[in-house]
């Protein structure tokens, strides 16, 4: 069987359910373990020998194009095509019609995958769906199949018809473009193909596949990605610092004396940590982060340029770019109910802060609090309800 030599990555979507984190960046550019989600997809494709990559961009497209460029840094050739209106996955795929020929992979740019995840699909026949067994199927398209042939796809079923879900990763040939017709969604296209008598096969993924739908999914992805990092100590480690497990520290960073870091954890470049700071597992910090003395950070994503004052406790939380947080800040973590798009989700989480928030001394957040971008919270305030972009708590 001839291997697939080209890939199409759909990266045009906004990701509204991930707000506030997608207000100023596309979903595919959300950093997980200090790399955009899209980069994991491209690296997995490249490691399977595919060098020609077409990226369909749309929402805040310049961020994707500026970051990836022509693909030289990742040893691939990237061509960009624009989906001007985000009308659906089939509509996005139609944008590449003139740029591909023969067989190709189609992937979502917002899933973290490993090279092994797609290694079998690279050799599959056209019209094959990559499926993955999942315990919780409620947010996916569930695949029903007989002897490896798809019989139906049911979106977000109430009952588990099967535990195989559609990963949104496919092997197609250029014949798919005639079958798309006026459909906007790939699931509808595939159901039409089955109704017309086309055989659509399944290929089960053995490697990791995790998608990010809601903000708290970011912590799960971060934990998985951190397990694969390479240990590194590129900065200055002062005396009395204790480092345990898989830890990567970027160049130009300083870990001050008596700090304690337990991996898996990643600290970016030009960070200032400590003295006497405790960084616990499943934590990632971006570049230019400053963590003041006697602060504890656990199972959290701290983005570029964040400053956290002394004697703070941040756990199970996501703090986006440029937040300025004074001392004695506490994110309470626990199980709570969060409403997104008329759906209620019971999750264990701390706080989720958008970009450039300013938090005063001694502020406390209840579990599951979402603060939008550029919020201001004055000293000693307890946040018990989420606040929108540019919210002010005095």
Protein backbone atom coordinates (compact mmCIF):
# COMPACT_ATOMS: atom_id res chain seq x y z
CA UNK A 1 0.00 0.00 0.00
CA UNK A 2 1.37 3.36 -1.06
CA UNK A 3 2.05 5.75 1.83
CA UNK A 4 0.31 9.11 2.08
CA UNK A 5 2.68 11.98 1.30
CA UNK A 6 0.59 15.10 2.05
CA UNK A 7 -1.56 16.36 4.90
CA UNK A 8 -4.28 18.97 5.34
CA UNK A 9 -4.60 20.52 8.80
CA UNK A 10 -7.81 22.39 9.61
CA UNK A 11 -6.84 25.35 11.80
CA UNK A 12 -9.44 28.02 11.01
CA UNK A 13 -11.72 27.76 14.05
CA UNK A 14 -12.06 30.12 16.98
CA UNK A 15 -12.99 27.79 19.85
CA UNK A 16 -15.71 29.84 21.57
CA UNK A 17 -16.17 27.30 24.38
CA UNK A 18 -12.54 27.97 25.36
CA UNK A 19 -13.08 31.64 26.11
CA UNK A 20 -11.50 33.73 27.57
CA UNK A 21 -8.40 31.97 26.21
CA UNK A 22 -9.41 32.27 22.55
CA UNK A 23 -10.53 35.91 22.59
CA UNK A 24 -7.16 37.01 21.22
CA UNK A 25 -5.74 33.80 19.74
CA UNK A 26 -7.08 30.88 17.69
CA UNK A 27 -7.75 27.61 19.47
CA UNK A 28 -4.84 25.90 17.68
CA UNK A 29 -2.39 28.43 19.16
CA UNK A 30 -3.25 27.72 22.80
CA UNK A 31 0.05 26.78 24.44
CA UNK A 32 0.30 23.36 26.06
CA UNK A 33 3.62 22.62 27.81
CA UNK A 34 4.91 25.81 26.15
CA UNK A 35 4.08 24.79 22.54
CA UNK A 36 0.94 25.61 20.53
CA UNK A 37 -1.39 22.62 20.07
CA UNK A 38 -0.94 22.94 16.28
CA UNK A 39 2.80 22.33 16.60
CA UNK A 40 2.19 18.89 18.15
CA UNK A 41 0.05 17.95 15.13
CA UNK A 42 2.68 19.11 12.63
CA UNK A 43 5.47 17.30 14.49
CA UNK A 44 3.45 14.06 14.50
CA UNK A 45 2.81 14.38 10.76
CA UNK A 46 6.49 15.16 10.02
CA UNK A 47 7.70 12.18 12.05
CA UNK A 48 5.56 9.98 9.80
CA UNK A 49 7.50 11.20 6.78
CA UNK A 50 4.92 13.69 5.49
CA UNK A 51 6.60 16.93 4.48
CA UNK A 52 3.94 18.67 2.35
CA UNK A 53 1.39 20.28 4.67
CA UNK A 54 -1.56 22.50 3.77
CA UNK A 55 -2.91 24.54 6.68
CA UNK A 56 -6.42 25.98 6.41
CA UNK A 57 -6.48 29.19 8.45
CA UNK A 58 -9.23 31.64 9.33
CA UNK A 59 -9.75 33.18 12.77
CA UNK A 60 -6.69 35.33 13.64
CA UNK A 61 -4.81 33.61 10.81
CA UNK A 62 -1.73 35.87 11.07
CA UNK A 63 -0.80 34.38 14.43
CA UNK A 64 -0.62 30.90 12.88
CA UNK A 65 1.27 32.08 9.80
CA UNK A 66 3.73 34.25 11.77
CA UNK A 67 4.54 31.40 14.15
CA UNK A 68 4.97 28.59 11.61
CA UNK A 69 6.24 30.55 8.61
CA UNK A 70 7.10 28.32 5.65
CA UNK A 71 7.67 25.37 8.02
CA UNK A 72 11.49 25.35 7.87
CA UNK A 73 11.88 25.19 11.67
CA UNK A 74 9.80 21.98 11.75
CA UNK A 75 11.40 20.52 8.61
CA UNK A 76 8.18 20.68 6.55
CA UNK A 77 6.77 22.74 3.66
CA UNK A 78 3.65 24.66 4.63
CA UNK A 79 1.14 26.25 2.27
CA UNK A 80 -1.73 28.30 3.71
CA UNK A 81 -5.30 28.55 2.44
CA UNK A 82 -7.96 30.72 4.01
CA UNK A 83 -11.48 29.80 5.08
CA UNK A 84 -13.01 33.28 5.24
CA UNK A 85 -16.15 32.17 7.06
CA UNK A 86 -15.91 29.32 9.57
CA UNK A 87 -18.86 27.35 8.20
CA UNK A 88 -17.70 23.82 9.12
CA UNK A 89 -15.06 21.17 8.55
CA UNK A 90 -16.20 20.12 5.05
CA UNK A 91 -16.30 23.75 3.95
CA UNK A 92 -12.77 24.20 5.35
CA UNK A 93 -11.52 21.14 3.47
CA UNK A 94 -12.98 22.46 0.19
CA UNK A 95 -10.51 25.36 0.35
CA UNK A 96 -7.61 23.01 -0.56
CA UNK A 97 -9.27 21.48 -3.64
CA UNK A 98 -6.83 23.05 -6.11
CA UNK A 99 -3.77 22.29 -3.98
CA UNK A 100 -3.91 18.52 -3.36
CA UNK A 101 -3.99 15.50 -5.63
CA UNK A 102 -4.26 11.81 -4.89
CA UNK A 103 -4.31 10.63 -1.27
CA UNK A 104 -3.92 12.89 1.75
CA UNK A 105 -4.48 12.99 5.50
CA UNK A 106 -6.96 15.42 7.01
CA UNK A 107 -6.38 16.40 10.64
CA UNK A 108 -7.76 18.86 13.17
CA UNK A 109 -5.22 21.39 14.36
CA UNK A 110 -6.67 21.43 17.88
CA UNK A 111 -5.90 17.85 19.06
CA UNK A 112 -2.69 16.76 20.72
CA UNK A 113 -1.46 13.62 19.00
CA UNK A 114 1.76 11.60 18.89
CA UNK A 115 3.48 10.14 15.81
CA UNK A 116 2.20 6.65 16.75
CA UNK A 117 -1.39 7.92 16.75
CA UNK A 118 -1.47 8.26 12.95
CA UNK A 119 1.25 5.78 11.88
CA UNK A 120 -1.26 3.17 10.62
CA UNK A 121 -3.52 5.72 8.97
CA UNK A 122 -0.60 6.98 6.85
CA UNK A 123 -0.72 3.61 5.06
CA UNK A 124 -4.51 3.25 4.95
CA UNK A 125 -6.77 3.31 1.91
CA UNK A 126 -8.77 6.47 1.17
CA UNK A 127 -12.07 6.96 3.01
CA UNK A 128 -10.74 5.74 6.34
CA UNK A 129 -11.60 7.35 9.69
CA UNK A 130 -9.20 7.23 12.63
CA UNK A 131 -11.23 6.14 15.67
CA UNK A 132 -10.30 6.00 19.34
CA UNK A 133 -11.88 4.15 22.24
CA UNK A 134 -13.17 6.60 24.86
CA UNK A 135 -14.98 5.96 28.12
CA UNK A 136 -16.92 9.23 28.10
CA UNK A 137 -18.48 9.60 24.65
CA UNK A 138 -20.94 12.42 25.38
CA UNK A 139 -19.00 15.20 23.59
CA UNK A 140 -17.97 13.22 20.47
CA UNK A 141 -19.29 11.73 17.27
CA UNK A 142 -19.70 8.04 18.09
CA UNK A 143 -18.86 5.50 15.38
CA UNK A 144 -20.89 2.35 14.85
CA UNK A 145 -19.02 -0.15 12.67
CA UNK A 146 -19.30 -3.72 11.47
CA UNK A 147 -16.15 -5.65 10.52
CA UNK A 148 -14.23 -2.37 10.29
CA UNK A 149 -16.81 -0.68 8.01
CA UNK A 150 -18.63 2.39 9.35
CA UNK A 151 -22.42 1.97 9.50
CA UNK A 152 -23.30 5.24 11.26
CA UNK A 153 -21.98 8.27 13.14
CA UNK A 154 -24.08 9.72 15.95
CA UNK A 155 -23.08 13.12 17.32
CA UNK A 156 -23.03 13.47 21.13
CA UNK A 157 -25.38 10.57 21.90
CA UNK A 158 -27.11 10.38 25.28
CA UNK A 159 -26.43 6.63 25.47
CA UNK A 160 -23.24 4.79 24.57
CA UNK A 161 -24.01 3.13 21.23
CA UNK A 162 -20.32 2.20 21.15
CA UNK A 163 -17.12 3.51 22.73
CA UNK A 164 -15.39 4.29 19.43
CA UNK A 165 -15.30 8.02 18.72
CA UNK A 166 -14.45 9.97 15.59
CA UNK A 167 -11.10 11.72 16.11
CA UNK A 168 -11.64 14.05 13.15
CA UNK A 169 -8.58 12.53 11.45
CA UNK A 170 -9.13 10.93 8.04
CA UNK A 171 -7.41 9.42 5.02
CA UNK A 172 -9.08 10.76 1.86
CA UNK A 173 -8.38 10.97 -1.85
CA UNK A 174 -9.15 13.98 -4.02
CA UNK A 175 -12.46 12.29 -4.95
CA UNK A 176 -13.81 13.60 -1.64
CA UNK A 177 -14.21 17.09 -3.10
CA UNK A 178 -16.94 15.95 -5.51
CA UNK A 179 -18.75 14.24 -2.61
CA UNK A 180 -18.71 17.32 -0.37
CA UNK A 181 -21.10 19.20 -2.69
CA UNK A 182 -22.93 21.79 -0.56
CA UNK A 183 -22.34 20.11 2.79
CA UNK A 184 -20.43 22.14 5.39
CA UNK A 185 -19.65 19.38 7.90
CA UNK A 186 -17.50 16.30 7.27
CA UNK A 187 -19.72 14.03 9.38
CA UNK A 188 -22.65 14.78 7.03
CA UNK A 189 -20.44 14.10 4.00
CA UNK A 190 -19.45 10.69 5.38
CA UNK A 191 -23.05 9.76 6.22
CA UNK A 192 -24.01 10.70 2.64
CA UNK A 193 -21.15 8.53 1.33
CA UNK A 194 -22.41 5.54 3.33
CA UNK A 195 -25.98 6.15 2.06
CA UNK A 196 -24.62 6.16 -1.53
CA UNK A 197 -22.93 2.79 -0.98
CA UNK A 198 -19.32 3.95 -0.47
CA UNK A 199 -17.31 1.92 2.01
CA UNK A 200 -15.86 4.01 4.84
CA UNK A 201 -13.37 2.08 6.95
CA UNK A 202 -12.13 2.50 10.50
CA UNK A 203 -8.54 2.52 11.71
CA UNK A 204 -8.12 2.42 15.50
CA UNK A 205 -5.57 4.77 17.05
CA UNK A 206 -3.20 3.21 19.56
CA UNK A 207 -1.23 6.38 20.42
CA UNK A 208 -2.50 9.34 22.42
CA UNK A 209 -5.29 11.56 21.15
CA UNK A 210 -6.67 14.34 23.31
CA UNK A 211 -8.80 17.22 22.18
CA UNK A 212 -9.42 20.51 23.92
CA UNK A 213 -13.09 21.50 24.04
CA UNK A 214 -13.38 23.30 27.37
CA UNK A 215 -10.81 25.33 29.36
CA UNK A 216 -10.27 22.59 31.95
CA UNK A 217 -9.27 20.19 29.15
CA UNK A 218 -6.11 22.28 28.84
CA UNK A 219 -4.82 20.95 32.18
CA UNK A 220 -5.33 17.33 31.07
CA UNK A 221 -3.48 17.99 27.81
CA UNK A 222 -0.73 19.82 29.68
CA UNK A 223 -0.23 16.85 32.01
CA UNK A 224 0.01 14.45 29.05
CA UNK A 225 2.40 16.65 27.08
CA UNK A 226 4.70 17.22 30.07
CA UNK A 227 5.23 13.48 30.42
CA UNK A 228 7.09 13.58 27.07
CA UNK A 229 9.41 16.55 27.62
CA UNK A 230 13.20 16.25 27.62
CA UNK A 231 14.91 17.30 30.87
CA UNK A 232 17.05 20.44 30.54
CA UNK A 233 18.63 23.03 32.79
CA UNK A 234 19.39 25.96 30.51
CA UNK A 235 19.43 28.66 33.18
CA UNK A 236 21.11 29.43 36.50
CA UNK A 237 20.35 27.10 39.40
CA UNK A 238 21.42 28.59 42.73
CA UNK A 239 22.62 26.55 45.71
CA UNK A 240 20.04 24.77 47.82
CA UNK A 241 17.63 24.24 44.90
CA UNK A 242 16.10 20.75 44.80
CA UNK A 243 14.92 19.35 41.44
CA UNK A 244 13.14 15.98 41.24
CA UNK A 245 11.78 14.12 38.21
CA UNK A 246 11.35 15.33 34.63
CA UNK A 247 12.04 19.09 34.64
CA UNK A 248 12.98 21.43 31.77
CA UNK A 249 14.33 24.91 32.53
CA UNK A 250 14.87 27.32 29.63
CA UNK A 251 17.93 29.44 28.94
CA UNK A 252 18.25 32.73 30.77
CA UNK A 253 16.03 31.57 33.64
CA UNK A 254 17.15 31.78 37.26
CA UNK A 255 15.97 29.42 39.98
CA UNK A 256 16.80 31.09 43.28
CA UNK A 257 18.05 29.27 46.38
CA UNK A 258 15.91 26.88 48.44
CA UNK A 259 13.32 26.45 45.68
CA UNK A 260 11.84 22.97 45.18
CA UNK A 261 10.72 21.72 41.76
CA UNK A 262 9.06 18.35 41.15
CA UNK A 263 8.41 17.21 37.58
CA UNK A 264 6.97 16.77 35.18
CA UNK A 265 7.31 20.53 34.87
CA UNK A 266 8.58 23.03 32.32
CA UNK A 267 9.86 26.54 32.96
CA UNK A 268 10.45 28.70 29.88
CA UNK A 269 13.18 31.21 29.07
CA UNK A 270 14.17 34.32 31.08
CA UNK A 271 12.06 33.39 34.11
CA UNK A 272 12.78 34.45 37.69
CA UNK A 273 11.70 31.81 40.21
CA UNK A 274 12.14 32.20 43.96
CA UNK A 275 13.87 32.08 46.30
CA UNK A 276 11.93 29.46 48.28
CA UNK A 277 9.31 28.74 45.62
CA UNK A 278 7.66 25.31 45.33
CA UNK A 279 6.72 24.10 41.82
CA UNK A 280 4.78 20.82 41.94
CA UNK A 281 3.99 18.28 39.13
CA UNK A 282 2.09 19.02 35.92
CA UNK A 283 3.01 22.71 35.91
CA UNK A 284 4.13 24.64 32.85
CA UNK A 285 5.40 28.21 32.87
CA UNK A 286 6.00 30.22 29.70
CA UNK A 287 8.76 32.75 29.06
CA UNK A 288 9.46 35.85 31.20
CA UNK A 289 7.48 34.54 34.18
CA UNK A 290 8.31 35.90 37.64
CA UNK A 291 7.30 33.90 40.74
CA UNK A 292 8.05 35.61 44.05
CA UNK A 293 9.28 33.88 47.26
CA UNK A 294 7.22 31.41 49.31
CA UNK A 295 4.75 30.76 46.48
CA UNK A 296 3.41 27.28 45.59
CA UNK A 297 2.33 26.41 42.03
CA UNK A 298 0.78 22.97 41.35
CA UNK A 299 -0.85 21.40 38.26
CA UNK A 300 -1.22 24.75 36.51
CA UNK A 301 -0.53 26.55 33.24
CA UNK A 302 1.19 29.91 33.69
CA UNK A 303 1.55 31.75 30.36
CA UNK A 304 4.21 34.20 29.15
CA UNK A 305 4.91 37.34 31.13
CA UNK A 306 2.89 36.45 34.24
CA UNK A 307 4.02 37.84 37.60
CA UNK A 308 2.82 36.23 40.84
CA UNK A 309 3.60 37.90 44.16
CA UNK A 310 4.96 36.32 47.35
CA UNK A 311 3.22 33.75 49.56
CA UNK A 312 0.64 32.82 46.90
CA UNK A 313 -0.91 29.40 46.26
CA UNK A 314 -1.98 28.54 42.72
CA UNK A 315 -3.32 25.04 42.01
CA UNK A 316 -5.28 23.39 39.18
CA UNK A 317 -5.41 26.78 37.44
CA UNK A 318 -4.78 28.49 34.10
CA UNK A 319 -3.34 32.02 34.12
CA UNK A 320 -3.01 33.60 30.68
CA UNK A 321 -0.42 36.04 29.31
CA UNK A 322 0.64 39.16 31.10
CA UNK A 323 -1.36 38.78 34.33
CA UNK A 324 -0.01 40.83 37.25
CA UNK A 325 -0.88 39.20 40.56
CA UNK A 326 0.07 40.67 43.93
CA UNK A 327 1.07 38.62 46.96
CA UNK A 328 -0.98 36.26 49.15
CA UNK A 329 -3.17 35.26 46.18
CA UNK A 330 -5.00 31.94 46.61
CA UNK A 331 -6.84 29.88 43.99
CA UNK A 332 -9.07 27.48 45.85
CA UNK A 333 -9.44 24.19 44.01
CA UNK A 334 -12.31 21.76 44.25
CA UNK A 335 -15.20 20.11 42.44
CA UNK A 336 -17.68 22.60 41.08
CA UNK A 337 -20.34 23.05 38.39
CA UNK A 338 -19.49 25.28 35.44
CA UNK A 339 -21.97 26.40 32.76
CA UNK A 340 -20.76 26.68 29.15
CA UNK A 341 -23.28 27.20 26.32
CA UNK A 342 -26.30 26.03 28.34
CA UNK A 343 -24.45 22.89 29.40
CA UNK A 344 -23.41 22.20 32.99
CA UNK A 345 -20.13 20.42 33.68
CA UNK A 346 -18.95 19.06 37.01
CA UNK A 347 -15.16 19.42 37.14
CA UNK A 348 -12.32 19.77 39.64
CA UNK A 349 -10.56 23.03 38.89
CA UNK A 350 -9.02 26.15 40.42
CA UNK A 351 -9.16 29.52 38.64
CA UNK A 352 -9.07 30.42 34.94
CA UNK A 353 -7.79 33.94 34.28
CA UNK A 354 -7.69 35.57 30.84
CA UNK A 355 -4.90 37.83 29.56
CA UNK A 356 -3.58 40.92 31.36
CA UNK A 357 -5.64 40.61 34.53
CA UNK A 358 -4.57 42.67 37.53
CA UNK A 359 -5.18 41.00 40.91
CA UNK A 360 -4.65 42.86 44.18
CA UNK A 361 -2.97 41.61 47.37
CA UNK A 362 -4.75 38.88 49.31
CA UNK A 363 -7.38 38.09 46.66
CA UNK A 364 -8.97 34.63 46.74
CA UNK A 365 -10.83 32.80 43.96
CA UNK A 366 -13.43 30.09 44.58
CA UNK A 367 -13.17 26.84 42.54
CA UNK A 368 -14.13 27.17 38.87
CA UNK A 369 -13.95 30.98 38.67
CA UNK A 370 -13.42 32.34 35.15
CA UNK A 371 -12.13 35.91 34.90
CA UNK A 372 -12.15 37.36 31.38
CA UNK A 373 -9.33 39.30 29.76
CA UNK A 374 -8.06 42.56 31.32
CA UNK A 375 -10.05 42.15 34.55
CA UNK A 376 -9.12 44.11 37.69
CA UNK A 377 -9.65 42.70 41.17
CA UNK A 378 -8.81 44.94 44.12
CA UNK A 379 -7.01 43.77 47.27
CA UNK A 380 -8.59 41.29 49.71
CA UNK A 381 -11.53 40.47 47.42
CA UNK A 382 -13.02 36.97 47.29
CA UNK A 383 -14.18 36.06 43.78
CA UNK A 384 -17.17 33.73 44.09
CA UNK A 385 -18.67 34.42 40.65
CA UNK A 386 -17.08 34.56 37.21
CA UNK A 387 -16.55 37.99 35.65
CA UNK A 388 -16.54 39.02 31.96
CA UNK A 389 -13.76 40.69 29.96
CA UNK A 390 -12.66 43.98 31.53
CA UNK A 391 -14.63 43.21 34.70
CA UNK A 392 -13.85 45.27 37.78
CA UNK A 393 -14.18 43.97 41.36
CA UNK A 394 -13.75 46.70 43.99
